[in-house]
N, C-alpha and C. Protein backbone atom coordinates (compact mmCIF):
# COMPACT_ATOMS: atom_id res chain seq x y z
N MET A 1 -27.51 -79.81 12.44
CA MET A 1 -26.06 -79.73 12.47
C MET A 1 -25.60 -79.12 13.78
N THR A 2 -24.52 -79.65 14.30
CA THR A 2 -23.96 -79.05 15.51
C THR A 2 -23.19 -77.80 15.13
N GLU A 3 -22.91 -76.99 16.11
CA GLU A 3 -22.17 -75.75 15.85
C GLU A 3 -20.78 -76.06 15.30
N ASN A 4 -20.13 -77.11 15.83
CA ASN A 4 -18.79 -77.49 15.39
C ASN A 4 -18.80 -77.92 13.92
N THR A 5 -19.77 -78.74 13.52
CA THR A 5 -19.88 -79.16 12.13
C THR A 5 -20.13 -77.95 11.23
N ASN A 6 -21.02 -77.08 11.66
CA ASN A 6 -21.33 -75.87 10.92
C ASN A 6 -20.08 -75.00 10.75
N ARG A 7 -19.27 -74.88 11.78
CA ARG A 7 -18.05 -74.07 11.73
C ARG A 7 -17.08 -74.64 10.71
N LYS A 8 -16.93 -75.97 10.67
CA LYS A 8 -16.04 -76.60 9.70
C LYS A 8 -16.48 -76.29 8.28
N THR A 9 -17.77 -76.32 8.04
CA THR A 9 -18.31 -76.00 6.73
C THR A 9 -17.87 -74.60 6.31
N TYR A 10 -18.08 -73.65 7.21
CA TYR A 10 -17.73 -72.28 6.87
C TYR A 10 -16.23 -72.08 6.78
N ASP A 11 -15.45 -72.83 7.56
CA ASP A 11 -14.00 -72.70 7.45
C ASP A 11 -13.52 -73.08 6.05
N LEU A 12 -14.05 -74.15 5.49
CA LEU A 12 -13.65 -74.56 4.15
C LEU A 12 -14.19 -73.58 3.10
N GLU A 13 -15.36 -73.05 3.32
CA GLU A 13 -15.87 -72.00 2.43
C GLU A 13 -14.93 -70.79 2.47
N ASP A 14 -14.56 -70.39 3.68
CA ASP A 14 -13.64 -69.25 3.83
C ASP A 14 -12.29 -69.54 3.19
N ARG A 15 -11.79 -70.74 3.43
CA ARG A 15 -10.48 -71.10 2.88
C ARG A 15 -10.49 -71.09 1.36
N SER A 16 -11.53 -71.63 0.76
CA SER A 16 -11.58 -71.64 -0.70
C SER A 16 -11.78 -70.22 -1.25
N PHE A 17 -12.52 -69.40 -0.53
CA PHE A 17 -12.70 -67.99 -0.93
C PHE A 17 -11.38 -67.24 -0.86
N GLU A 18 -10.65 -67.41 0.24
CA GLU A 18 -9.36 -66.74 0.39
C GLU A 18 -8.36 -67.22 -0.65
N PHE A 19 -8.42 -68.50 -0.99
CA PHE A 19 -7.55 -69.03 -2.04
C PHE A 19 -7.83 -68.32 -3.37
N ALA A 20 -9.09 -68.19 -3.73
CA ALA A 20 -9.47 -67.52 -4.98
C ALA A 20 -9.03 -66.05 -4.96
N LYS A 21 -9.14 -65.39 -3.82
CA LYS A 21 -8.70 -63.99 -3.72
C LYS A 21 -7.19 -63.89 -3.87
N ARG A 22 -6.45 -64.81 -3.28
CA ARG A 22 -4.98 -64.81 -3.42
C ARG A 22 -4.57 -65.02 -4.86
N VAL A 23 -5.27 -65.90 -5.56
CA VAL A 23 -4.99 -66.13 -6.97
C VAL A 23 -5.15 -64.83 -7.75
N ARG A 24 -6.22 -64.11 -7.49
CA ARG A 24 -6.47 -62.87 -8.21
C ARG A 24 -5.41 -61.82 -7.93
N ALA A 25 -4.97 -61.74 -6.68
CA ALA A 25 -3.90 -60.79 -6.32
C ALA A 25 -2.59 -61.19 -7.00
N PHE A 26 -2.31 -62.48 -7.05
CA PHE A 26 -1.09 -63.00 -7.68
C PHE A 26 -1.07 -62.66 -9.17
N VAL A 27 -2.17 -62.87 -9.84
CA VAL A 27 -2.25 -62.63 -11.28
C VAL A 27 -1.98 -61.17 -11.61
N LYS A 28 -2.39 -60.27 -10.74
CA LYS A 28 -2.21 -58.83 -11.00
C LYS A 28 -0.74 -58.42 -11.10
N VAL A 29 0.17 -59.16 -10.48
CA VAL A 29 1.58 -58.76 -10.49
C VAL A 29 2.39 -59.42 -11.60
N LEU A 30 1.76 -60.28 -12.36
CA LEU A 30 2.48 -61.00 -13.42
C LEU A 30 2.67 -60.14 -14.65
N ALA A 31 3.74 -60.45 -15.39
CA ALA A 31 3.96 -59.80 -16.68
C ALA A 31 2.81 -60.15 -17.62
N ARG A 32 2.40 -59.20 -18.43
CA ARG A 32 1.25 -59.38 -19.33
C ARG A 32 1.69 -59.97 -20.66
N THR A 33 2.20 -61.19 -20.62
CA THR A 33 2.53 -61.89 -21.86
C THR A 33 1.28 -62.62 -22.34
N LEU A 34 1.25 -63.00 -23.59
CA LEU A 34 0.09 -63.71 -24.13
C LEU A 34 -0.18 -64.99 -23.34
N SER A 35 0.87 -65.75 -23.08
CA SER A 35 0.67 -67.02 -22.37
C SER A 35 0.22 -66.77 -20.92
N ASN A 36 0.80 -65.79 -20.24
CA ASN A 36 0.37 -65.49 -18.88
C ASN A 36 -1.09 -65.06 -18.82
N VAL A 37 -1.50 -64.24 -19.77
CA VAL A 37 -2.89 -63.77 -19.78
C VAL A 37 -3.84 -64.96 -19.95
N GLU A 38 -3.55 -65.83 -20.90
CA GLU A 38 -4.44 -66.97 -21.16
C GLU A 38 -4.43 -67.98 -20.02
N ASP A 39 -3.24 -68.30 -19.51
CA ASP A 39 -3.15 -69.26 -18.41
C ASP A 39 -3.75 -68.68 -17.12
N ALA A 40 -3.59 -67.40 -16.91
CA ALA A 40 -4.16 -66.74 -15.73
C ALA A 40 -5.69 -66.80 -15.77
N LYS A 41 -6.27 -66.64 -16.95
CA LYS A 41 -7.73 -66.74 -17.07
C LYS A 41 -8.20 -68.12 -16.60
N GLN A 42 -7.49 -69.14 -17.02
CA GLN A 42 -7.85 -70.51 -16.63
C GLN A 42 -7.71 -70.69 -15.12
N LEU A 43 -6.62 -70.17 -14.57
CA LEU A 43 -6.40 -70.27 -13.13
C LEU A 43 -7.49 -69.55 -12.35
N ILE A 44 -7.85 -68.37 -12.79
CA ILE A 44 -8.90 -67.60 -12.11
C ILE A 44 -10.22 -68.36 -12.14
N ARG A 45 -10.56 -68.92 -13.27
CA ARG A 45 -11.81 -69.69 -13.37
C ARG A 45 -11.79 -70.90 -12.43
N ALA A 46 -10.71 -71.66 -12.49
CA ALA A 46 -10.62 -72.88 -11.67
C ALA A 46 -10.64 -72.55 -10.18
N SER A 47 -9.89 -71.53 -9.78
CA SER A 47 -9.81 -71.20 -8.35
C SER A 47 -11.14 -70.72 -7.81
N GLY A 48 -11.88 -69.97 -8.58
CA GLY A 48 -13.20 -69.51 -8.15
C GLY A 48 -14.22 -70.64 -8.12
N SER A 49 -14.05 -71.57 -9.02
CA SER A 49 -14.98 -72.69 -9.12
C SER A 49 -14.88 -73.63 -7.92
N VAL A 50 -13.72 -73.71 -7.31
CA VAL A 50 -13.56 -74.56 -6.12
C VAL A 50 -14.58 -74.16 -5.06
N GLY A 51 -14.54 -72.91 -4.67
CA GLY A 51 -15.43 -72.42 -3.62
C GLY A 51 -16.89 -72.40 -4.04
N ALA A 52 -17.16 -72.02 -5.27
CA ALA A 52 -18.54 -71.96 -5.75
C ALA A 52 -19.18 -73.33 -5.71
N ASN A 53 -18.45 -74.34 -6.12
CA ASN A 53 -19.00 -75.69 -6.11
C ASN A 53 -19.11 -76.25 -4.69
N TYR A 54 -18.23 -75.82 -3.81
CA TYR A 54 -18.35 -76.24 -2.41
C TYR A 54 -19.62 -75.67 -1.78
N ILE A 55 -19.91 -74.43 -2.08
CA ILE A 55 -21.16 -73.82 -1.59
C ILE A 55 -22.35 -74.60 -2.14
N GLU A 56 -22.30 -74.95 -3.41
CA GLU A 56 -23.38 -75.76 -4.01
C GLU A 56 -23.48 -77.12 -3.33
N ALA A 57 -22.35 -77.73 -3.01
CA ALA A 57 -22.36 -79.03 -2.34
C ALA A 57 -23.04 -78.94 -0.99
N ASN A 58 -22.82 -77.85 -0.28
CA ASN A 58 -23.43 -77.69 1.03
C ASN A 58 -24.94 -77.52 0.94
N ASP A 59 -25.45 -77.15 -0.22
CA ASP A 59 -26.89 -77.03 -0.42
C ASP A 59 -27.41 -78.13 -1.34
N ALA A 60 -26.68 -79.23 -1.40
CA ALA A 60 -27.05 -80.33 -2.29
C ALA A 60 -28.44 -80.87 -1.97
N LEU A 61 -29.11 -81.31 -3.01
CA LEU A 61 -30.46 -81.86 -2.86
C LEU A 61 -30.46 -83.32 -2.45
N SER A 62 -29.33 -83.99 -2.67
CA SER A 62 -29.22 -85.41 -2.33
C SER A 62 -27.75 -85.73 -2.07
N LYS A 63 -27.52 -86.93 -1.55
CA LYS A 63 -26.14 -87.37 -1.32
C LYS A 63 -25.39 -87.47 -2.65
N LYS A 64 -26.08 -87.96 -3.67
CA LYS A 64 -25.46 -88.09 -5.00
C LYS A 64 -25.05 -86.71 -5.53
N ASP A 65 -25.92 -85.73 -5.37
CA ASP A 65 -25.63 -84.36 -5.78
C ASP A 65 -24.43 -83.82 -5.02
N PHE A 66 -24.38 -84.07 -3.72
CA PHE A 66 -23.26 -83.64 -2.88
C PHE A 66 -21.95 -84.23 -3.41
N ILE A 67 -21.95 -85.53 -3.67
CA ILE A 67 -20.74 -86.21 -4.14
C ILE A 67 -20.28 -85.65 -5.49
N VAL A 68 -21.22 -85.40 -6.39
CA VAL A 68 -20.87 -84.83 -7.70
C VAL A 68 -20.20 -83.47 -7.52
N ARG A 69 -20.77 -82.63 -6.66
CA ARG A 69 -20.22 -81.28 -6.43
C ARG A 69 -18.83 -81.35 -5.81
N ILE A 70 -18.64 -82.27 -4.87
CA ILE A 70 -17.33 -82.41 -4.23
C ILE A 70 -16.31 -82.92 -5.25
N LYS A 71 -16.74 -83.79 -6.14
CA LYS A 71 -15.83 -84.26 -7.20
C LYS A 71 -15.41 -83.09 -8.09
N ILE A 72 -16.35 -82.19 -8.37
CA ILE A 72 -16.02 -81.01 -9.17
C ILE A 72 -15.05 -80.12 -8.40
N CYS A 73 -15.26 -79.96 -7.09
CA CYS A 73 -14.33 -79.18 -6.26
C CYS A 73 -12.92 -79.75 -6.37
N ARG A 74 -12.82 -81.07 -6.24
CA ARG A 74 -11.51 -81.72 -6.32
C ARG A 74 -10.88 -81.51 -7.69
N LYS A 75 -11.68 -81.65 -8.74
CA LYS A 75 -11.18 -81.46 -10.11
C LYS A 75 -10.69 -80.03 -10.33
N GLU A 76 -11.45 -79.06 -9.85
CA GLU A 76 -11.05 -77.66 -10.02
C GLU A 76 -9.82 -77.33 -9.17
N ALA A 77 -9.72 -77.92 -7.99
CA ALA A 77 -8.52 -77.73 -7.17
C ALA A 77 -7.30 -78.33 -7.87
N LYS A 78 -7.51 -79.47 -8.52
CA LYS A 78 -6.41 -80.10 -9.27
C LYS A 78 -5.96 -79.20 -10.41
N GLU A 79 -6.93 -78.61 -11.11
CA GLU A 79 -6.58 -77.65 -12.17
C GLU A 79 -5.85 -76.45 -11.59
N SER A 80 -6.24 -76.05 -10.40
CA SER A 80 -5.60 -74.91 -9.73
C SER A 80 -4.18 -75.22 -9.31
N CYS A 81 -3.81 -76.48 -9.30
CA CYS A 81 -2.40 -76.88 -9.09
C CYS A 81 -1.61 -76.75 -10.39
N TYR A 82 -2.29 -77.01 -11.49
CA TYR A 82 -1.64 -77.04 -12.80
C TYR A 82 -1.35 -75.65 -13.36
N TRP A 83 -2.35 -74.80 -13.41
CA TRP A 83 -2.22 -73.51 -14.10
C TRP A 83 -1.15 -72.59 -13.52
N PRO A 84 -0.99 -72.47 -12.22
CA PRO A 84 0.04 -71.54 -11.74
C PRO A 84 1.45 -71.97 -12.13
N ARG A 85 1.64 -73.27 -12.27
CA ARG A 85 2.97 -73.77 -12.64
C ARG A 85 3.36 -73.32 -14.05
N LEU A 86 2.39 -73.04 -14.89
CA LEU A 86 2.67 -72.58 -16.25
C LEU A 86 2.98 -71.09 -16.33
N LEU A 87 2.58 -70.35 -15.32
CA LEU A 87 2.74 -68.90 -15.36
C LEU A 87 4.19 -68.49 -15.17
N ASP A 88 4.61 -67.51 -15.95
CA ASP A 88 5.98 -67.01 -15.91
C ASP A 88 6.06 -65.87 -14.90
N THR A 89 6.86 -66.06 -13.86
CA THR A 89 7.02 -65.03 -12.84
C THR A 89 8.15 -64.06 -13.18
N ALA A 90 8.82 -64.28 -14.31
CA ALA A 90 9.83 -63.37 -14.87
C ALA A 90 10.86 -62.87 -13.85
N GLY A 91 11.40 -63.79 -13.08
CA GLY A 91 12.45 -63.42 -12.13
C GLY A 91 11.96 -62.67 -10.91
N ASN A 92 10.67 -62.53 -10.73
CA ASN A 92 10.10 -61.84 -9.58
C ASN A 92 10.05 -62.84 -8.41
N LEU A 93 10.95 -62.68 -7.45
CA LEU A 93 11.07 -63.63 -6.35
C LEU A 93 9.79 -63.72 -5.52
N GLU A 94 9.17 -62.59 -5.25
CA GLU A 94 7.92 -62.60 -4.48
C GLU A 94 6.83 -63.36 -5.23
N ALA A 95 6.72 -63.12 -6.52
CA ALA A 95 5.71 -63.81 -7.32
C ALA A 95 6.02 -65.31 -7.39
N ALA A 96 7.28 -65.67 -7.51
CA ALA A 96 7.66 -67.08 -7.57
C ALA A 96 7.33 -67.78 -6.24
N THR A 97 7.54 -67.07 -5.13
CA THR A 97 7.21 -67.64 -3.82
C THR A 97 5.71 -67.83 -3.70
N GLU A 98 4.94 -66.82 -4.10
CA GLU A 98 3.48 -66.92 -4.04
C GLU A 98 2.98 -68.02 -4.97
N GLN A 99 3.63 -68.17 -6.12
CA GLN A 99 3.27 -69.22 -7.06
C GLN A 99 3.38 -70.60 -6.38
N SER A 100 4.48 -70.82 -5.68
CA SER A 100 4.68 -72.09 -4.96
C SER A 100 3.64 -72.28 -3.87
N LEU A 101 3.34 -71.21 -3.14
CA LEU A 101 2.34 -71.29 -2.08
C LEU A 101 0.95 -71.59 -2.64
N LEU A 102 0.63 -71.01 -3.79
CA LEU A 102 -0.67 -71.28 -4.41
C LEU A 102 -0.78 -72.74 -4.87
N VAL A 103 0.29 -73.26 -5.44
CA VAL A 103 0.28 -74.67 -5.86
C VAL A 103 0.08 -75.56 -4.64
N ARG A 104 0.78 -75.26 -3.55
CA ARG A 104 0.64 -76.04 -2.32
C ARG A 104 -0.78 -75.91 -1.75
N GLY A 105 -1.31 -74.70 -1.75
CA GLY A 105 -2.67 -74.48 -1.25
C GLY A 105 -3.71 -75.24 -2.06
N ALA A 106 -3.54 -75.23 -3.37
CA ALA A 106 -4.47 -75.97 -4.24
C ALA A 106 -4.36 -77.47 -3.99
N ALA A 107 -3.14 -77.96 -3.78
CA ALA A 107 -2.95 -79.38 -3.49
C ALA A 107 -3.61 -79.76 -2.17
N GLU A 108 -3.51 -78.88 -1.18
CA GLU A 108 -4.16 -79.13 0.10
C GLU A 108 -5.67 -79.19 -0.07
N LEU A 109 -6.24 -78.26 -0.83
CA LEU A 109 -7.68 -78.28 -1.09
C LEU A 109 -8.08 -79.56 -1.82
N MET A 110 -7.27 -79.96 -2.78
CA MET A 110 -7.55 -81.18 -3.53
C MET A 110 -7.57 -82.38 -2.57
N ASN A 111 -6.63 -82.44 -1.66
CA ASN A 111 -6.57 -83.54 -0.70
C ASN A 111 -7.76 -83.50 0.27
N ILE A 112 -8.15 -82.32 0.69
CA ILE A 112 -9.32 -82.18 1.57
C ILE A 112 -10.58 -82.69 0.88
N PHE A 113 -10.78 -82.28 -0.36
CA PHE A 113 -11.97 -82.73 -1.07
C PHE A 113 -11.91 -84.23 -1.37
N GLY A 114 -10.72 -84.75 -1.59
CA GLY A 114 -10.56 -86.18 -1.76
C GLY A 114 -10.95 -86.93 -0.50
N ALA A 115 -10.57 -86.42 0.65
CA ALA A 115 -10.92 -87.05 1.92
C ALA A 115 -12.42 -86.98 2.16
N ILE A 116 -13.03 -85.85 1.83
CA ILE A 116 -14.49 -85.73 1.97
C ILE A 116 -15.17 -86.78 1.08
N LEU A 117 -14.67 -86.95 -0.13
CA LEU A 117 -15.25 -87.95 -1.04
C LEU A 117 -15.13 -89.35 -0.47
N ARG A 118 -13.96 -89.71 0.03
CA ARG A 118 -13.76 -91.06 0.58
C ARG A 118 -14.72 -91.31 1.74
N LYS A 119 -14.95 -90.31 2.56
CA LYS A 119 -15.85 -90.48 3.70
C LYS A 119 -17.32 -90.48 3.29
N SER A 120 -17.62 -89.89 2.15
CA SER A 120 -19.01 -89.75 1.71
C SER A 120 -19.50 -90.90 0.85
N GLU A 121 -18.58 -91.59 0.19
CA GLU A 121 -19.00 -92.64 -0.74
C GLU A 121 -19.19 -93.97 -0.05
């Protein structure tokens, strides 16, 4: 691998890691309603799974394994678009702004993984 290709790999690893960290920070400021707690759990799982599966994809044993892992990344990013929209920000403008940014960030990750899939298949 060239240094440039290697750097891109780590940039996406970093980006997915930072996304998962932002999700966790966002969840901490939400009201502790039953629905927020349950939906936040789903969001936390999905957001962490994006990066974890990307790391697995980078260590794939075959092209088929790589494609499967990237498909999982895209699926988890798609879920990460869904769950924050269900969370109640209870009139908290900062939380509502972060909610929108997280949905946009997840959509960007979903599109990135979709592009990787198109180029890999």
